[in-house]
Amino acid sequence: MTEYLLEARARVLHDLDACRMADAAAVSALEAALSQRGWWVSQWPDGAPYVVGLVAQDVQDALLDAGSRWPRCGACDEVAEHSLGVEPELGDDPHWVCTESGLEVARLGALRAPQQTG
């Protein structure tokens, strides 16, 4: 079960870093989510394959509560700022999906850094 938590940490940290949001507050939110989900997995071992997506959602919620939107969508033509969501919400092989268009953007842990302009 530890391997699922380590995978969740690596994939979420990659995506935070790709969005240039891997600061102390975000990493603390990630560590808190891992701690909470570690207990959750110990109570429901069959849920271990789903922990990656759940940790990402936990971090996303914590950052939103702190006033940060992560990850921001840059994949669609929608003008209003909006986030990506994790789909499936409870399933294996989670992906980041645009909450406005439904466009699948990247596998969780595979976001790319935004292109620099200018």
N, C-alpha and C. Protein backbone atom coordinates (compact mmCIF):
# COMPACT_ATOMS: atom_id res chain seq x y z
N MET A 1 0.82 -1.19 0.00
CA MET A 1 0.00 0.00 0.00
C MET A 1 0.86 1.25 0.00
N THR A 2 2.05 1.16 0.58
CA THR A 2 2.95 2.31 0.60
C THR A 2 3.30 2.76 -0.81
N GLU A 3 3.40 1.82 -1.74
CA GLU A 3 3.76 2.19 -3.11
C GLU A 3 2.72 3.11 -3.74
N TYR A 4 1.45 2.93 -3.38
CA TYR A 4 0.40 3.80 -3.92
C TYR A 4 0.54 5.23 -3.38
N LEU A 5 0.89 5.34 -2.12
CA LEU A 5 1.09 6.67 -1.53
C LEU A 5 2.32 7.35 -2.13
N LEU A 6 3.39 6.57 -2.35
CA LEU A 6 4.59 7.14 -2.97
C LEU A 6 4.30 7.57 -4.40
N GLU A 7 3.53 6.77 -5.11
CA GLU A 7 3.16 7.14 -6.47
C GLU A 7 2.31 8.40 -6.47
N ALA A 8 1.37 8.49 -5.54
CA ALA A 8 0.53 9.68 -5.44
C ALA A 8 1.39 10.91 -5.18
N ARG A 9 2.34 10.78 -4.26
CA ARG A 9 3.22 11.91 -3.93
C ARG A 9 4.00 12.35 -5.16
N ALA A 10 4.59 11.41 -5.86
CA ALA A 10 5.41 11.74 -7.03
C ALA A 10 4.58 12.39 -8.13
N ARG A 11 3.42 11.83 -8.41
CA ARG A 11 2.60 12.35 -9.52
C ARG A 11 2.02 13.72 -9.21
N VAL A 12 1.53 13.91 -7.98
CA VAL A 12 0.97 15.22 -7.63
C VAL A 12 2.08 16.26 -7.55
N LEU A 13 3.21 15.91 -6.97
CA LEU A 13 4.32 16.85 -6.89
C LEU A 13 4.80 17.25 -8.29
N HIS A 14 4.85 16.31 -9.20
CA HIS A 14 5.22 16.64 -10.59
C HIS A 14 4.27 17.68 -11.16
N ASP A 15 2.97 17.47 -10.97
CA ASP A 15 2.00 18.39 -11.54
C ASP A 15 2.03 19.76 -10.86
N LEU A 16 2.27 19.78 -9.55
CA LEU A 16 2.45 21.06 -8.87
C LEU A 16 3.66 21.80 -9.45
N ASP A 17 4.74 21.07 -9.64
CA ASP A 17 5.96 21.68 -10.17
C ASP A 17 5.75 22.15 -11.61
N ALA A 18 5.05 21.37 -12.41
CA ALA A 18 4.80 21.75 -13.80
C ALA A 18 4.02 23.06 -13.88
N CYS A 19 3.19 23.31 -12.88
CA CYS A 19 2.39 24.54 -12.83
C CYS A 19 3.09 25.64 -12.02
N ARG A 20 4.32 25.38 -11.65
CA ARG A 20 5.11 26.31 -10.84
C ARG A 20 4.41 26.66 -9.53
N MET A 21 3.83 25.65 -8.90
CA MET A 21 3.11 25.85 -7.65
C MET A 21 3.63 24.95 -6.53
N ALA A 22 4.80 24.38 -6.71
CA ALA A 22 5.35 23.47 -5.70
C ALA A 22 6.06 24.27 -4.60
N ASP A 23 5.33 25.23 -4.00
CA ASP A 23 5.90 26.01 -2.91
C ASP A 23 5.63 25.31 -1.58
N ALA A 24 6.08 25.93 -0.50
CA ALA A 24 5.97 25.31 0.82
C ALA A 24 4.52 25.01 1.19
N ALA A 25 3.61 25.93 0.90
CA ALA A 25 2.21 25.72 1.25
C ALA A 25 1.61 24.54 0.48
N ALA A 26 1.92 24.45 -0.80
CA ALA A 26 1.38 23.36 -1.61
C ALA A 26 1.96 22.02 -1.19
N VAL A 27 3.26 21.97 -0.91
CA VAL A 27 3.89 20.72 -0.48
C VAL A 27 3.35 20.31 0.90
N SER A 28 3.09 21.28 1.76
CA SER A 28 2.48 20.97 3.06
C SER A 28 1.08 20.39 2.88
N ALA A 29 0.32 20.96 1.94
CA ALA A 29 -1.01 20.42 1.64
C ALA A 29 -0.91 18.99 1.11
N LEU A 30 0.10 18.75 0.29
CA LEU A 30 0.32 17.40 -0.25
C LEU A 30 0.66 16.43 0.87
N GLU A 31 1.55 16.82 1.76
CA GLU A 31 1.93 15.93 2.86
C GLU A 31 0.75 15.66 3.79
N ALA A 32 -0.07 16.67 4.04
CA ALA A 32 -1.27 16.46 4.87
C ALA A 32 -2.23 15.49 4.20
N ALA A 33 -2.42 15.65 2.89
CA ALA A 33 -3.30 14.75 2.16
C ALA A 33 -2.78 13.31 2.19
N LEU A 34 -1.48 13.16 2.03
CA LEU A 34 -0.89 11.82 2.08
C LEU A 34 -1.07 11.18 3.45
N SER A 35 -0.92 11.96 4.49
CA SER A 35 -1.10 11.44 5.84
C SER A 35 -2.54 10.97 6.04
N GLN A 36 -3.49 11.79 5.64
CA GLN A 36 -4.90 11.44 5.79
C GLN A 36 -5.27 10.23 4.93
N ARG A 37 -4.77 10.21 3.72
CA ARG A 37 -5.10 9.09 2.83
C ARG A 37 -4.37 7.82 3.25
N GLY A 38 -3.24 7.95 3.93
CA GLY A 38 -2.57 6.76 4.47
C GLY A 38 -3.47 6.05 5.46
N TRP A 39 -4.12 6.82 6.32
CA TRP A 39 -5.08 6.24 7.26
C TRP A 39 -6.24 5.62 6.49
N TRP A 40 -6.74 6.34 5.49
CA TRP A 40 -7.88 5.87 4.69
C TRP A 40 -7.56 4.52 4.03
N VAL A 41 -6.37 4.40 3.46
CA VAL A 41 -5.97 3.15 2.80
C VAL A 41 -5.80 2.04 3.82
N SER A 42 -5.35 2.37 5.02
CA SER A 42 -5.22 1.32 6.04
C SER A 42 -6.58 0.77 6.45
N GLN A 43 -7.62 1.59 6.34
CA GLN A 43 -8.98 1.15 6.67
C GLN A 43 -9.66 0.46 5.50
N TRP A 44 -9.28 0.81 4.27
CA TRP A 44 -9.89 0.24 3.07
C TRP A 44 -8.79 -0.11 2.07
N PRO A 45 -8.08 -1.21 2.31
CA PRO A 45 -6.96 -1.58 1.44
C PRO A 45 -7.34 -1.74 -0.03
N ASP A 46 -8.56 -2.16 -0.31
CA ASP A 46 -8.98 -2.32 -1.71
C ASP A 46 -9.06 -0.98 -2.43
N GLY A 47 -9.09 0.12 -1.70
CA GLY A 47 -9.14 1.44 -2.30
C GLY A 47 -7.78 2.01 -2.66
N ALA A 48 -6.71 1.29 -2.36
CA ALA A 48 -5.36 1.78 -2.61
C ALA A 48 -5.13 2.24 -4.05
N PRO A 49 -5.64 1.54 -5.06
CA PRO A 49 -5.41 2.00 -6.43
C PRO A 49 -6.04 3.37 -6.73
N TYR A 50 -6.97 3.82 -5.91
CA TYR A 50 -7.65 5.08 -6.15
C TYR A 50 -7.01 6.26 -5.43
N VAL A 51 -6.01 6.00 -4.62
CA VAL A 51 -5.47 7.03 -3.75
C VAL A 51 -4.78 8.15 -4.54
N VAL A 52 -4.25 7.87 -5.71
CA VAL A 52 -3.57 8.90 -6.50
C VAL A 52 -4.53 10.04 -6.83
N GLY A 53 -5.68 9.71 -7.37
CA GLY A 53 -6.66 10.73 -7.72
C GLY A 53 -7.22 11.44 -6.49
N LEU A 54 -7.41 10.70 -5.43
CA LEU A 54 -7.95 11.29 -4.21
C LEU A 54 -6.98 12.29 -3.59
N VAL A 55 -5.70 11.97 -3.59
CA VAL A 55 -4.70 12.89 -3.06
C VAL A 55 -4.68 14.16 -3.90
N ALA A 56 -4.73 14.02 -5.22
CA ALA A 56 -4.75 15.20 -6.09
C ALA A 56 -5.96 16.08 -5.78
N GLN A 57 -7.12 15.46 -5.59
CA GLN A 57 -8.32 16.22 -5.26
C GLN A 57 -8.20 16.90 -3.90
N ASP A 58 -7.60 16.20 -2.94
CA ASP A 58 -7.40 16.79 -1.61
C ASP A 58 -6.51 18.02 -1.68
N VAL A 59 -5.42 17.92 -2.44
CA VAL A 59 -4.51 19.05 -2.57
C VAL A 59 -5.21 20.19 -3.31
N GLN A 60 -5.93 19.85 -4.35
CA GLN A 60 -6.67 20.87 -5.11
C GLN A 60 -7.65 21.61 -4.19
N ASP A 61 -8.38 20.87 -3.36
CA ASP A 61 -9.33 21.49 -2.43
C ASP A 61 -8.62 22.37 -1.40
N ALA A 62 -7.50 21.90 -0.86
CA ALA A 62 -6.76 22.67 0.13
C ALA A 62 -6.23 23.97 -0.47
N LEU A 63 -5.73 23.90 -1.69
CA LEU A 63 -5.21 25.11 -2.33
C LEU A 63 -6.35 26.07 -2.66
N LEU A 64 -7.48 25.55 -3.08
CA LEU A 64 -8.62 26.41 -3.37
C LEU A 64 -9.10 27.10 -2.09
N ASP A 65 -9.12 26.36 -0.99
CA ASP A 65 -9.49 26.95 0.30
C ASP A 65 -8.53 28.08 0.70
N ALA A 66 -7.27 27.95 0.27
CA ALA A 66 -6.26 28.96 0.59
C ALA A 66 -6.23 30.09 -0.44
N GLY A 67 -7.10 30.00 -1.46
CA GLY A 67 -7.20 31.07 -2.44
C GLY A 67 -6.43 30.86 -3.73
N SER A 68 -5.94 29.65 -3.97
CA SER A 68 -5.20 29.35 -5.21
C SER A 68 -5.97 28.34 -6.04
N ARG A 69 -6.00 28.57 -7.33
CA ARG A 69 -6.65 27.65 -8.25
C ARG A 69 -5.57 26.79 -8.91
N TRP A 70 -5.67 25.47 -8.71
CA TRP A 70 -4.67 24.55 -9.28
C TRP A 70 -5.34 23.26 -9.70
N PRO A 71 -4.93 22.72 -10.80
CA PRO A 71 -4.21 23.38 -11.89
C PRO A 71 -5.18 24.18 -12.75
N ARG A 72 -4.71 25.26 -13.26
CA ARG A 72 -5.52 26.10 -14.14
C ARG A 72 -5.55 25.48 -15.53
N CYS A 73 -6.69 25.61 -16.17
CA CYS A 73 -6.82 25.09 -17.53
C CYS A 73 -6.22 26.08 -18.51
N GLY A 74 -5.44 25.57 -19.41
CA GLY A 74 -4.90 26.36 -20.50
C GLY A 74 -5.12 25.64 -21.81
N ALA A 75 -5.99 24.65 -21.77
CA ALA A 75 -6.15 23.76 -22.93
C ALA A 75 -7.36 24.07 -23.80
N CYS A 76 -8.26 24.92 -23.31
CA CYS A 76 -9.46 25.17 -24.10
C CYS A 76 -9.57 26.66 -24.43
N ASP A 77 -10.60 27.01 -25.16
CA ASP A 77 -10.79 28.38 -25.60
C ASP A 77 -11.61 29.22 -24.63
N GLU A 78 -12.01 28.65 -23.51
CA GLU A 78 -12.81 29.38 -22.53
C GLU A 78 -12.00 30.57 -22.00
N VAL A 79 -12.61 31.75 -21.99
CA VAL A 79 -11.92 32.96 -21.55
C VAL A 79 -11.81 33.03 -20.03
N ALA A 80 -12.88 32.68 -19.34
CA ALA A 80 -12.88 32.75 -17.88
C ALA A 80 -11.90 31.73 -17.29
N GLU A 81 -11.13 32.18 -16.29
CA GLU A 81 -10.19 31.27 -15.64
C GLU A 81 -10.94 30.15 -14.95
N HIS A 82 -10.47 28.94 -15.14
CA HIS A 82 -11.09 27.79 -14.50
C HIS A 82 -10.04 26.70 -14.32
N SER A 83 -10.40 25.72 -13.51
CA SER A 83 -9.46 24.65 -13.15
C SER A 83 -9.70 23.40 -13.97
N LEU A 84 -8.73 22.52 -13.87
CA LEU A 84 -8.90 21.16 -14.34
C LEU A 84 -9.45 20.35 -13.18
N GLY A 85 -10.17 19.30 -13.49
CA GLY A 85 -10.67 18.39 -12.48
C GLY A 85 -10.11 17.00 -12.71
N VAL A 86 -10.19 16.16 -11.69
CA VAL A 86 -9.71 14.78 -11.79
C VAL A 86 -10.87 13.88 -12.18
N GLU A 87 -10.66 13.09 -13.21
CA GLU A 87 -11.64 12.08 -13.62
C GLU A 87 -10.91 10.79 -13.91
N PRO A 88 -11.45 9.66 -13.53
CA PRO A 88 -12.66 9.54 -12.73
C PRO A 88 -12.40 9.98 -11.29
N GLU A 89 -13.45 10.43 -10.64
CA GLU A 89 -13.29 10.91 -9.27
C GLU A 89 -12.84 9.80 -8.33
N LEU A 90 -13.31 8.61 -8.57
CA LEU A 90 -12.90 7.45 -7.78
C LEU A 90 -12.66 6.30 -8.75
N GLY A 91 -11.44 6.20 -9.20
CA GLY A 91 -11.09 5.15 -10.15
C GLY A 91 -9.60 5.14 -10.38
N ASP A 92 -9.16 4.12 -11.06
CA ASP A 92 -7.74 4.06 -11.36
C ASP A 92 -7.47 4.84 -12.65
N ASP A 93 -6.21 5.12 -12.92
CA ASP A 93 -5.75 5.87 -14.07
C ASP A 93 -6.43 7.24 -14.18
N PRO A 94 -6.32 8.07 -13.15
CA PRO A 94 -6.96 9.38 -13.19
C PRO A 94 -6.28 10.34 -14.17
N HIS A 95 -7.10 11.22 -14.73
CA HIS A 95 -6.65 12.23 -15.69
C HIS A 95 -7.13 13.60 -15.27
N TRP A 96 -6.42 14.63 -15.73
CA TRP A 96 -6.88 16.00 -15.58
C TRP A 96 -7.78 16.31 -16.77
N VAL A 97 -8.95 16.83 -16.47
CA VAL A 97 -9.95 17.13 -17.50
C VAL A 97 -10.43 18.55 -17.30
N CYS A 98 -10.61 19.28 -18.40
CA CYS A 98 -11.14 20.64 -18.34
C CYS A 98 -12.57 20.59 -17.80
N THR A 99 -12.83 21.37 -16.76
CA THR A 99 -14.16 21.36 -16.14
C THR A 99 -15.20 22.07 -16.99
N GLU A 100 -14.77 22.83 -17.98
CA GLU A 100 -15.70 23.55 -18.85
C GLU A 100 -16.02 22.78 -20.13
N SER A 101 -14.99 22.29 -20.79
CA SER A 101 -15.18 21.64 -22.09
C SER A 101 -15.23 20.12 -22.02
N GLY A 102 -14.73 19.54 -20.93
CA GLY A 102 -14.65 18.09 -20.83
C GLY A 102 -13.43 17.51 -21.53
N LEU A 103 -12.58 18.37 -22.08
CA LEU A 103 -11.39 17.94 -22.80
C LEU A 103 -10.39 17.28 -21.83
N GLU A 104 -9.94 16.09 -22.18
CA GLU A 104 -8.91 15.42 -21.38
C GLU A 104 -7.58 16.08 -21.69
N VAL A 105 -6.90 16.57 -20.64
CA VAL A 105 -5.68 17.35 -20.82
C VAL A 105 -4.43 16.51 -20.63
N ALA A 106 -4.38 15.73 -19.55
CA ALA A 106 -3.17 14.93 -19.28
C ALA A 106 -3.49 13.89 -18.22
N ARG A 107 -2.71 12.85 -18.24
CA ARG A 107 -2.77 11.87 -17.17
C ARG A 107 -2.26 12.55 -15.91
N LEU A 108 -2.85 12.23 -14.77
CA LEU A 108 -2.37 12.80 -13.52
C LEU A 108 -0.90 12.43 -13.36
N GLY A 109 -0.08 13.42 -13.12
CA GLY A 109 1.37 13.21 -13.04
C GLY A 109 2.08 13.50 -14.34
N ALA A 110 1.35 13.99 -15.34
CA ALA A 110 1.96 14.24 -16.65
C ALA A 110 1.64 15.62 -17.20
N LEU A 111 1.24 16.56 -16.32
CA LEU A 111 1.03 17.92 -16.81
C LEU A 111 2.35 18.48 -17.30
N ARG A 112 2.27 19.34 -18.28
CA ARG A 112 3.47 20.00 -18.82
C ARG A 112 3.47 21.45 -18.38
N ALA A 113 4.65 21.98 -18.22
CA ALA A 113 4.78 23.39 -17.87
C ALA A 113 4.20 24.24 -19.00
N PRO A 114 3.52 25.34 -18.65
CA PRO A 114 2.98 26.21 -19.70
C PRO A 114 4.11 26.79 -20.55
N GLN A 115 3.81 27.00 -21.80
CA GLN A 115 4.79 27.58 -22.73
C GLN A 115 5.02 29.04 -22.38
N GLN A 116 6.27 29.45 -22.41
CA GLN A 116 6.62 30.85 -22.20
C GLN A 116 6.39 31.61 -23.49
N THR A 117 5.81 32.79 -23.37
CA THR A 117 5.60 33.62 -24.55
C THR A 117 6.53 34.83 -24.46
N GLY A 118 6.83 35.39 -25.61
CA GLY A 118 7.59 36.63 -25.64
C GLY A 118 9.00 36.35 -25.84
